[in-house]
Amino acid sequence: MGRGALHSVAAAQDWAPAPPGVVSGAGDNALERLITGDEPVVFRGDAEQVALVELKVAAIRVLPVQSVRSFFGLGHFGRRVWFYHELRPALAERTRAFWDGREATIRAGLLASGEYERAMATFRTRILPLVHAPATIEALLACDNPNAKRACVESWRSRRWALVRRAYPLARAIDATLEGPTLPRDDYRLHWRLLGRYRDLEAGPPWLTAAGHARLRQRLDGLDVGLGEGP
């Protein structure tokens, strides 16, 4: 696979640069703008990024929220290709051609299929256990106030973590998340990175929540998706 649609599906915070007023990347940012705003949203990307965004749009139009979640990898794998064929008629011809050749990727779960996600999964299962015990990870993700967060982050940044941080950019990405204002309990991106799942989908990516799904169904016509860096 190339670097676009399957480069970073779940880690949509790693969006590529785009001109002012234009959104790029895996499309989650564009969908969030549709949910939270009232203005049209312009998305521009390469062929794989556009194919992914158009797949998300079709899934939201055709499938209920629970099926959207399952289709993208948060449910039983046996239904994912079936869901794809349910929404396939809603796709443009070029998008159908792209995904028709990638049913194995759909079956595996798109949220975990990008290069970034596979690298993070390797880090999470092979490197992280050498640094932190499961109880330490659970304690960090349970932090629900600023004082608790400061104590948990201080404990997290052990001598071993400092060594790993120097060697692995993914560890630095986790640290960057911890430096943000969001509390660990409420940071769905941190939960995905450390656990490989979302504990509460209603507090997860906005486009996968019930309220976000309902809002998007009202607003999808305000999304302009196309190839390139700008309109």
C-alpha atoms as a PDB file:
ATOM      1  CA  MET A   1       0.000   0.000   0.000  1.00  0.00           C
ATOM      2  CA  GLY A   2       1.021   3.573  -0.514  1.00  0.00           C
ATOM      3  CA  ARG A   3       1.438   6.341   2.005  1.00  0.00           C
ATOM      4  CA  GLY A   4      -2.012   7.938   1.728  1.00  0.00           C
ATOM      5  CA  ALA A   5      -5.299   6.310   2.654  1.00  0.00           C
ATOM      6  CA  LEU A   6      -3.650   3.365   4.369  1.00  0.00           C
ATOM      7  CA  HIS A   7      -0.656   5.313   5.690  1.00  0.00           C
ATOM      8  CA  SER A   8      -2.441   6.541   8.791  1.00  0.00           C
ATOM      9  CA  VAL A   9      -6.076   5.671   9.202  1.00  0.00           C
ATOM     10  CA  ALA A  10      -6.561   5.724  12.910  1.00  0.00           C
ATOM     11  CA  ALA A  11      -3.842   8.268  13.660  1.00  0.00           C
ATOM     12  CA  ALA A  12      -5.602  11.049  11.939  1.00  0.00           C
ATOM     13  CA  GLN A  13      -3.824  13.635  14.044  1.00  0.00           C
ATOM     14  CA  ASP A  14      -0.844  13.168  11.698  1.00  0.00           C
ATOM     15  CA  TRP A  15      -2.467  15.098   8.861  1.00  0.00           C
ATOM     16  CA  ALA A  16      -0.377  16.254   5.936  1.00  0.00           C
ATOM     17  CA  PRO A  17       0.081  20.009   5.401  1.00  0.00           C
ATOM     18  CA  ALA A  18      -2.585  21.724   3.325  1.00  0.00           C
ATOM     19  CA  PRO A  19      -3.275  25.274   2.139  1.00  0.00           C
ATOM     20  CA  PRO A  20      -5.333  27.537   4.431  1.00  0.00           C
ATOM     21  CA  GLY A  21      -8.981  26.490   4.509  1.00  0.00           C
ATOM     22  CA  VAL A  22      -8.249  23.057   3.025  1.00  0.00           C
ATOM     23  CA  VAL A  23      -8.118  19.809   5.012  1.00  0.00           C
ATOM     24  CA  SER A  24      -5.979  16.809   4.053  1.00  0.00           C
ATOM     25  CA  GLY A  25      -4.862  13.498   5.566  1.00  0.00           C
ATOM     26  CA  ALA A  26      -7.090  10.557   6.460  1.00  0.00           C
ATOM     27  CA  GLY A  27     -10.236  12.711   6.533  1.00  0.00           C
ATOM     28  CA  ASP A  28     -11.078  12.587  10.235  1.00  0.00           C
ATOM     29  CA  ASN A  29     -10.310  16.282  10.618  1.00  0.00           C
ATOM     30  CA  ALA A  30     -12.620  17.149   7.725  1.00  0.00           C
ATOM     31  CA  LEU A  31     -15.417  15.074   9.231  1.00  0.00           C
ATOM     32  CA  GLU A  32     -14.905  16.687  12.631  1.00  0.00           C
ATOM     33  CA  ARG A  33     -15.206  20.137  11.064  1.00  0.00           C
ATOM     34  CA  LEU A  34     -18.488  19.080   9.497  1.00  0.00           C
ATOM     35  CA  ILE A  35     -19.735  17.890  12.871  1.00  0.00           C
ATOM     36  CA  THR A  36     -18.764  20.992  14.816  1.00  0.00           C
ATOM     37  CA  GLY A  37     -19.320  23.741  12.236  1.00  0.00           C
ATOM     38  CA  ASP A  38     -21.882  25.027   9.801  1.00  0.00           C
ATOM     39  CA  GLU A  39     -19.617  25.997   6.888  1.00  0.00           C
ATOM     40  CA  PRO A  40     -18.687  23.816   3.887  1.00  0.00           C
ATOM     41  CA  VAL A  41     -15.433  21.863   4.228  1.00  0.00           C
ATOM     42  CA  VAL A  42     -12.890  21.322   1.443  1.00  0.00           C
ATOM     43  CA  PHE A  43     -10.774  18.153   1.499  1.00  0.00           C
ATOM     44  CA  ARG A  44      -7.871  17.626  -0.897  1.00  0.00           C
ATOM     45  CA  GLY A  45      -5.492  14.678  -0.992  1.00  0.00           C
ATOM     46  CA  ASP A  46      -3.809  12.074  -3.128  1.00  0.00           C
ATOM     47  CA  ALA A  47      -5.725   9.232  -4.773  1.00  0.00           C
ATOM     48  CA  GLU A  48      -5.540   6.909  -1.745  1.00  0.00           C
ATOM     49  CA  GLN A  49      -6.563   9.618   0.720  1.00  0.00           C
ATOM     50  CA  VAL A  50      -9.521  10.582  -1.460  1.00  0.00           C
ATOM     51  CA  ALA A  51     -10.566   6.933  -1.785  1.00  0.00           C
ATOM     52  CA  LEU A  52     -10.524   6.563   2.007  1.00  0.00           C
ATOM     53  CA  VAL A  53     -12.530   9.721   2.636  1.00  0.00           C
ATOM     54  CA  GLU A  54     -15.093   8.751  -0.012  1.00  0.00           C
ATOM     55  CA  LEU A  55     -15.373   5.306   1.612  1.00  0.00           C
ATOM     56  CA  LYS A  56     -16.024   6.934   5.003  1.00  0.00           C
ATOM     57  CA  VAL A  57     -18.636   9.236   3.480  1.00  0.00           C
ATOM     58  CA  ALA A  58     -20.430   6.335   1.772  1.00  0.00           C
ATOM     59  CA  ALA A  59     -20.365   4.249   4.944  1.00  0.00           C
ATOM     60  CA  ILE A  60     -21.876   7.081   6.974  1.00  0.00           C
ATOM     61  CA  ARG A  61     -24.585   7.646   4.356  1.00  0.00           C
ATOM     62  CA  VAL A  62     -25.563   3.986   4.023  1.00  0.00           C
ATOM     63  CA  LEU A  63     -24.823   2.242   7.333  1.00  0.00           C
ATOM     64  CA  PRO A  64     -25.995   2.843  10.907  1.00  0.00           C
ATOM     65  CA  VAL A  65     -23.296   3.918  13.344  1.00  0.00           C
ATOM     66  CA  GLN A  66     -22.744   0.447  14.842  1.00  0.00           C
ATOM     67  CA  SER A  67     -22.191  -0.979  11.366  1.00  0.00           C
ATOM     68  CA  VAL A  68     -19.808   1.861  10.451  1.00  0.00           C
ATOM     69  CA  ARG A  69     -17.753   1.015  13.530  1.00  0.00           C
ATOM     70  CA  SER A  70     -17.722  -2.672  12.658  1.00  0.00           C
ATOM     71  CA  PHE A  71     -16.894  -2.021   9.021  1.00  0.00           C
ATOM     72  CA  PHE A  72     -13.806   0.026   9.854  1.00  0.00           C
ATOM     73  CA  GLY A  73     -12.438  -2.564  12.255  1.00  0.00           C
ATOM     74  CA  LEU A  74     -14.187  -2.255  15.612  1.00  0.00           C
ATOM     75  CA  GLY A  75     -16.442  -5.260  15.214  1.00  0.00           C
ATOM     76  CA  HIS A  76     -16.380  -8.863  14.028  1.00  0.00           C
ATOM     77  CA  PHE A  77     -14.160  -9.214  10.957  1.00  0.00           C
ATOM     78  CA  GLY A  78     -16.595 -11.573   9.220  1.00  0.00           C
ATOM     79  CA  ARG A  79     -19.021  -8.758   8.433  1.00  0.00           C
ATOM     80  CA  ARG A  80     -16.646  -6.172   6.993  1.00  0.00           C
ATOM     81  CA  VAL A  81     -16.602  -7.270   3.356  1.00  0.00           C
ATOM     82  CA  TRP A  82     -20.377  -7.790   3.481  1.00  0.00           C
ATOM     83  CA  PHE A  83     -20.764  -4.189   4.681  1.00  0.00           C
ATOM     84  CA  TYR A  84     -18.495  -3.043   1.859  1.00  0.00           C
ATOM     85  CA  HIS A  85     -20.772  -4.615  -0.728  1.00  0.00           C
ATOM     86  CA  GLU A  86     -23.763  -2.961   0.928  1.00  0.00           C
ATOM     87  CA  LEU A  87     -22.276   0.503   0.450  1.00  0.00           C
ATOM     88  CA  ARG A  88     -20.329  -0.191  -2.758  1.00  0.00           C
ATOM     89  CA  PRO A  89     -23.109   1.154  -5.071  1.00  0.00           C
ATOM     90  CA  ALA A  90     -22.788   4.531  -3.324  1.00  0.00           C
ATOM     91  CA  LEU A  91     -19.119   4.857  -4.364  1.00  0.00           C
ATOM     92  CA  ALA A  92     -17.792   6.599  -7.452  1.00  0.00           C
ATOM     93  CA  GLU A  93     -16.413   4.237 -10.092  1.00  0.00           C
ATOM     94  CA  ARG A  94     -12.769   5.106  -9.372  1.00  0.00           C
ATOM     95  CA  THR A  95     -13.313   4.565  -5.657  1.00  0.00           C
ATOM     96  CA  ARG A  96     -14.993   1.193  -6.246  1.00  0.00           C
ATOM     97  CA  ALA A  97     -12.061   0.144  -8.414  1.00  0.00           C
ATOM     98  CA  PHE A  98      -9.630   1.138  -5.666  1.00  0.00           C
ATOM     99  CA  TRP A  99     -11.392  -0.783  -2.884  1.00  0.00           C
ATOM    100  CA  ASP A 100     -12.485  -3.771  -4.995  1.00  0.00           C
ATOM    101  CA  GLY A 101      -8.830  -4.757  -5.121  1.00  0.00           C
ATOM    102  CA  ARG A 102      -8.357  -4.339  -1.370  1.00  0.00           C
ATOM    103  CA  GLU A 103     -11.003  -6.543   0.203  1.00  0.00           C
ATOM    104  CA  ALA A 104      -8.335  -8.327   2.258  1.00  0.00           C
ATOM    105  CA  THR A 105      -7.403  -4.983   3.815  1.00  0.00           C
ATOM    106  CA  ILE A 106     -11.051  -4.238   4.553  1.00  0.00           C
ATOM    107  CA  ARG A 107     -11.459  -7.666   6.151  1.00  0.00           C
ATOM    108  CA  ALA A 108      -8.412  -7.042   8.365  1.00  0.00           C
ATOM    109  CA  GLY A 109      -9.851  -3.751   9.627  1.00  0.00           C
ATOM    110  CA  LEU A 110      -9.013  -0.386   8.091  1.00  0.00           C
ATOM    111  CA  LEU A 111      -8.456   1.404  11.397  1.00  0.00           C
ATOM    112  CA  ALA A 112      -5.421  -0.795  12.081  1.00  0.00           C
ATOM    113  CA  SER A 113      -4.170  -1.246   8.498  1.00  0.00           C
ATOM    114  CA  GLY A 114      -2.019   1.841   7.977  1.00  0.00           C
ATOM    115  CA  GLU A 115       1.760   1.856   8.174  1.00  0.00           C
ATOM    116  CA  TYR A 116       1.604   4.064  11.253  1.00  0.00           C
ATOM    117  CA  GLU A 117      -0.899   1.794  12.987  1.00  0.00           C
ATOM    118  CA  ARG A 118       1.129  -1.342  12.269  1.00  0.00           C
ATOM    119  CA  ALA A 119       4.267   0.330  13.598  1.00  0.00           C
ATOM    120  CA  MET A 120       2.397   1.485  16.697  1.00  0.00           C
ATOM    121  CA  ALA A 121       1.029  -2.024  17.249  1.00  0.00           C
ATOM    122  CA  THR A 122       4.579  -3.422  17.129  1.00  0.00           C
ATOM    123  CA  PHE A 123       5.759  -0.758  19.562  1.00  0.00           C
ATOM    124  CA  ARG A 124       2.786  -1.384  21.857  1.00  0.00           C
ATOM    125  CA  THR A 125       3.222  -5.174  21.986  1.00  0.00           C
ATOM    126  CA  ARG A 126       7.015  -5.541  21.867  1.00  0.00           C
ATOM    127  CA  ILE A 127       8.621  -2.385  23.260  1.00  0.00           C
ATOM    128  CA  LEU A 128       6.142  -0.884  25.687  1.00  0.00           C
ATOM    129  CA  PRO A 129       5.935  -4.026  27.917  1.00  0.00           C
ATOM    130  CA  LEU A 130       9.693  -3.761  28.466  1.00  0.00           C
ATOM    131  CA  VAL A 131       9.222  -0.274  29.921  1.00  0.00           C
ATOM    132  CA  HIS A 132       5.870  -0.149  31.708  1.00  0.00           C
ATOM    133  CA  ALA A 133       3.743  -2.737  33.474  1.00  0.00           C
ATOM    134  CA  PRO A 134       0.055  -2.991  32.508  1.00  0.00           C
ATOM    135  CA  ALA A 135      -0.842  -1.411  35.863  1.00  0.00           C
ATOM    136  CA  THR A 136       1.215   1.672  35.002  1.00  0.00           C
ATOM    137  CA  ILE A 137      -0.564   2.025  31.664  1.00  0.00           C
ATOM    138  CA  GLU A 138      -3.952   1.611  33.324  1.00  0.00           C
ATOM    139  CA  ALA A 139      -3.069   4.194  35.971  1.00  0.00           C
ATOM    140  CA  LEU A 140      -2.072   6.714  33.310  1.00  0.00           C
ATOM    141  CA  LEU A 141      -5.242   6.201  31.279  1.00  0.00           C
ATOM    142  CA  ALA A 142      -7.393   6.543  34.393  1.00  0.00           C
ATOM    143  CA  CYS A 143      -6.067  10.046  35.200  1.00  0.00           C
ATOM    144  CA  ASP A 144      -9.111  12.318  35.304  1.00  0.00           C
ATOM    145  CA  ASN A 145      -7.842  15.600  36.772  1.00  0.00           C
ATOM    146  CA  PRO A 146      -4.807  17.842  36.215  1.00  0.00           C
ATOM    147  CA  ASN A 147      -3.116  16.943  39.504  1.00  0.00           C
ATOM    148  CA  ALA A 148      -3.455  13.224  38.846  1.00  0.00           C
ATOM    149  CA  LYS A 149      -2.184  13.753  35.318  1.00  0.00           C
ATOM    150  CA  ARG A 150       0.967  15.510  36.519  1.00  0.00           C
ATOM    151  CA  ALA A 151       1.713  12.679  38.947  1.00  0.00           C
ATOM    152  CA  CYS A 152       1.019   9.964  36.358  1.00  0.00           C
ATOM    153  CA  VAL A 153       3.127  11.651  33.665  1.00  0.00           C
ATOM    154  CA  GLU A 154       5.994  12.076  36.115  1.00  0.00           C
ATOM    155  CA  SER A 155       5.798   8.367  36.939  1.00  0.00           C
ATOM    156  CA  TRP A 156       5.510   7.501  33.241  1.00  0.00           C
ATOM    157  CA  ARG A 157       8.705   9.318  32.310  1.00  0.00           C
ATOM    158  CA  SER A 158      11.003   6.818  33.933  1.00  0.00           C
ATOM    159  CA  ARG A 159      14.652   6.278  33.108  1.00  0.00           C
ATOM    160  CA  ARG A 160      13.717   3.385  30.800  1.00  0.00           C
ATOM    161  CA  TRP A 161      11.126   5.519  29.037  1.00  0.00           C
ATOM    162  CA  ALA A 162      13.757   8.216  28.460  1.00  0.00           C
ATOM    163  CA  LEU A 163      15.948   5.655  26.701  1.00  0.00           C
ATOM    164  CA  VAL A 164      13.044   4.403  24.581  1.00  0.00           C
ATOM    165  CA  ARG A 165      12.017   7.965  23.783  1.00  0.00           C
ATOM    166  CA  ARG A 166      15.441   8.674  22.313  1.00  0.00           C
ATOM    167  CA  ALA A 167      15.292   5.561  20.126  1.00  0.00           C
ATOM    168  CA  TYR A 168      11.660   5.531  18.973  1.00  0.00           C
ATOM    169  CA  PRO A 169       9.769   8.438  17.363  1.00  0.00           C
ATOM    170  CA  LEU A 170       6.535   6.683  18.372  1.00  0.00           C
ATOM    171  CA  ALA A 171       7.456   7.173  22.025  1.00  0.00           C
ATOM    172  CA  ARG A 172       7.984  10.860  21.346  1.00  0.00           C
ATOM    173  CA  ALA A 173       4.537  10.979  19.731  1.00  0.00           C
ATOM    174  CA  ILE A 174       3.041   9.551  22.922  1.00  0.00           C
ATOM    175  CA  ASP A 175       4.905  12.148  24.978  1.00  0.00           C
ATOM    176  CA  ALA A 176       3.594  14.902  22.713  1.00  0.00           C
ATOM    177  CA  THR A 177       0.061  13.673  23.375  1.00  0.00           C
ATOM    178  CA  LEU A 178       0.707  13.730  27.126  1.00  0.00           C
ATOM    179  CA  GLU A 179       1.892  17.338  26.882  1.00  0.00           C
ATOM    180  CA  GLY A 180      -1.467  18.417  25.444  1.00  0.00           C
ATOM    181  CA  PRO A 181      -4.343  19.776  27.532  1.00  0.00           C
ATOM    182  CA  THR A 182      -6.567  16.690  27.274  1.00  0.00           C
ATOM    183  CA  LEU A 183      -6.731  14.455  30.322  1.00  0.00           C
ATOM    184  CA  PRO A 184      -5.552  10.862  29.659  1.00  0.00           C
ATOM    185  CA  ARG A 185      -8.956   9.419  30.600  1.00  0.00           C
ATOM    186  CA  ASP A 186     -10.546  11.525  27.848  1.00  0.00           C
ATOM    187  CA  ASP A 187      -7.826  11.242  25.188  1.00  0.00           C
ATOM    188  CA  TYR A 188      -9.056   8.637  22.717  1.00  0.00           C
ATOM    189  CA  ARG A 189      -5.890   8.955  20.632  1.00  0.00           C
ATOM    190  CA  LEU A 190      -3.766   8.042  23.645  1.00  0.00           C
ATOM    191  CA  HIS A 191      -6.034   5.075  24.397  1.00  0.00           C
ATOM    192  CA  TRP A 192      -5.641   3.842  20.819  1.00  0.00           C
ATOM    193  CA  ARG A 193      -1.867   4.197  20.942  1.00  0.00           C
ATOM    194  CA  LEU A 194      -1.423   2.420  24.259  1.00  0.00           C
ATOM    195  CA  LEU A 195      -4.230  -0.160  24.079  1.00  0.00           C
ATOM    196  CA  GLY A 196      -4.983  -0.548  20.365  1.00  0.00           C
ATOM    197  CA  ARG A 197      -8.670   0.114  21.027  1.00  0.00           C
ATOM    198  CA  TYR A 198     -11.115   2.722  22.260  1.00  0.00           C
ATOM    199  CA  ARG A 199     -12.552   2.087  25.703  1.00  0.00           C
ATOM    200  CA  ASP A 200     -15.648   4.158  25.030  1.00  0.00           C
ATOM    201  CA  LEU A 201     -16.617   4.829  21.437  1.00  0.00           C
ATOM    202  CA  GLU A 202     -18.990   7.571  22.520  1.00  0.00           C
ATOM    203  CA  ALA A 203     -15.883   9.388  23.752  1.00  0.00           C
ATOM    204  CA  GLY A 204     -13.813   8.312  20.741  1.00  0.00           C
ATOM    205  CA  PRO A 205     -13.302   9.790  17.259  1.00  0.00           C
ATOM    206  CA  PRO A 206     -16.240  12.159  16.661  1.00  0.00           C
ATOM    207  CA  TRP A 207     -17.218  10.535  13.355  1.00  0.00           C
ATOM    208  CA  LEU A 208     -17.666   7.185  15.146  1.00  0.00           C
ATOM    209  CA  THR A 209     -19.972   8.509  17.864  1.00  0.00           C
ATOM    210  CA  ALA A 210     -23.750   8.240  17.577  1.00  0.00           C
ATOM    211  CA  ALA A 211     -24.194  12.020  17.748  1.00  0.00           C
ATOM    212  CA  GLY A 212     -21.398  12.634  15.234  1.00  0.00           C
ATOM    213  CA  HIS A 213     -22.852  10.077  12.832  1.00  0.00           C
ATOM    214  CA  ALA A 214     -26.293  11.731  13.009  1.00  0.00           C
ATOM    215  CA  ARG A 215     -24.806  15.190  12.471  1.00  0.00           C
ATOM    216  CA  LEU A 216     -22.720  14.029   9.525  1.00  0.00           C
ATOM    217  CA  ARG A 217     -25.738  12.553   7.772  1.00  0.00           C
ATOM    218  CA  GLN A 218     -27.209  16.063   7.787  1.00  0.00           C
ATOM    219  CA  ARG A 219     -23.980  17.745   6.644  1.00  0.00           C
ATOM    220  CA  LEU A 220     -22.185  15.427   4.187  1.00  0.00           C
ATOM    221  CA  ASP A 221     -23.313  17.464   1.191  1.00  0.00           C
ATOM    222  CA  GLY A 222     -21.169  20.263   2.594  1.00  0.00           C
ATOM    223  CA  LEU A 223     -17.983  18.236   2.100  1.00  0.00           C
ATOM    224  CA  ASP A 224     -16.031  18.857  -1.135  1.00  0.00           C
ATOM    225  CA  VAL A 225     -13.599  15.961  -1.738  1.00  0.00           C
ATOM    226  CA  GLY A 226     -11.073  16.065  -4.538  1.00  0.00           C
ATOM    227  CA  LEU A 227      -7.533  15.397  -5.674  1.00  0.00           C
ATOM    228  CA  GLY A 228      -4.760  17.919  -5.198  1.00  0.00           C
ATOM    229  CA  GLU A 229      -3.524  20.407  -2.653  1.00  0.00           C
ATOM    230  CA  GLY A 230      -6.238  23.016  -3.011  1.00  0.00           C
ATOM    231  CA  PRO A 231      -9.424  24.028  -4.812  1.00  0.00           C
END
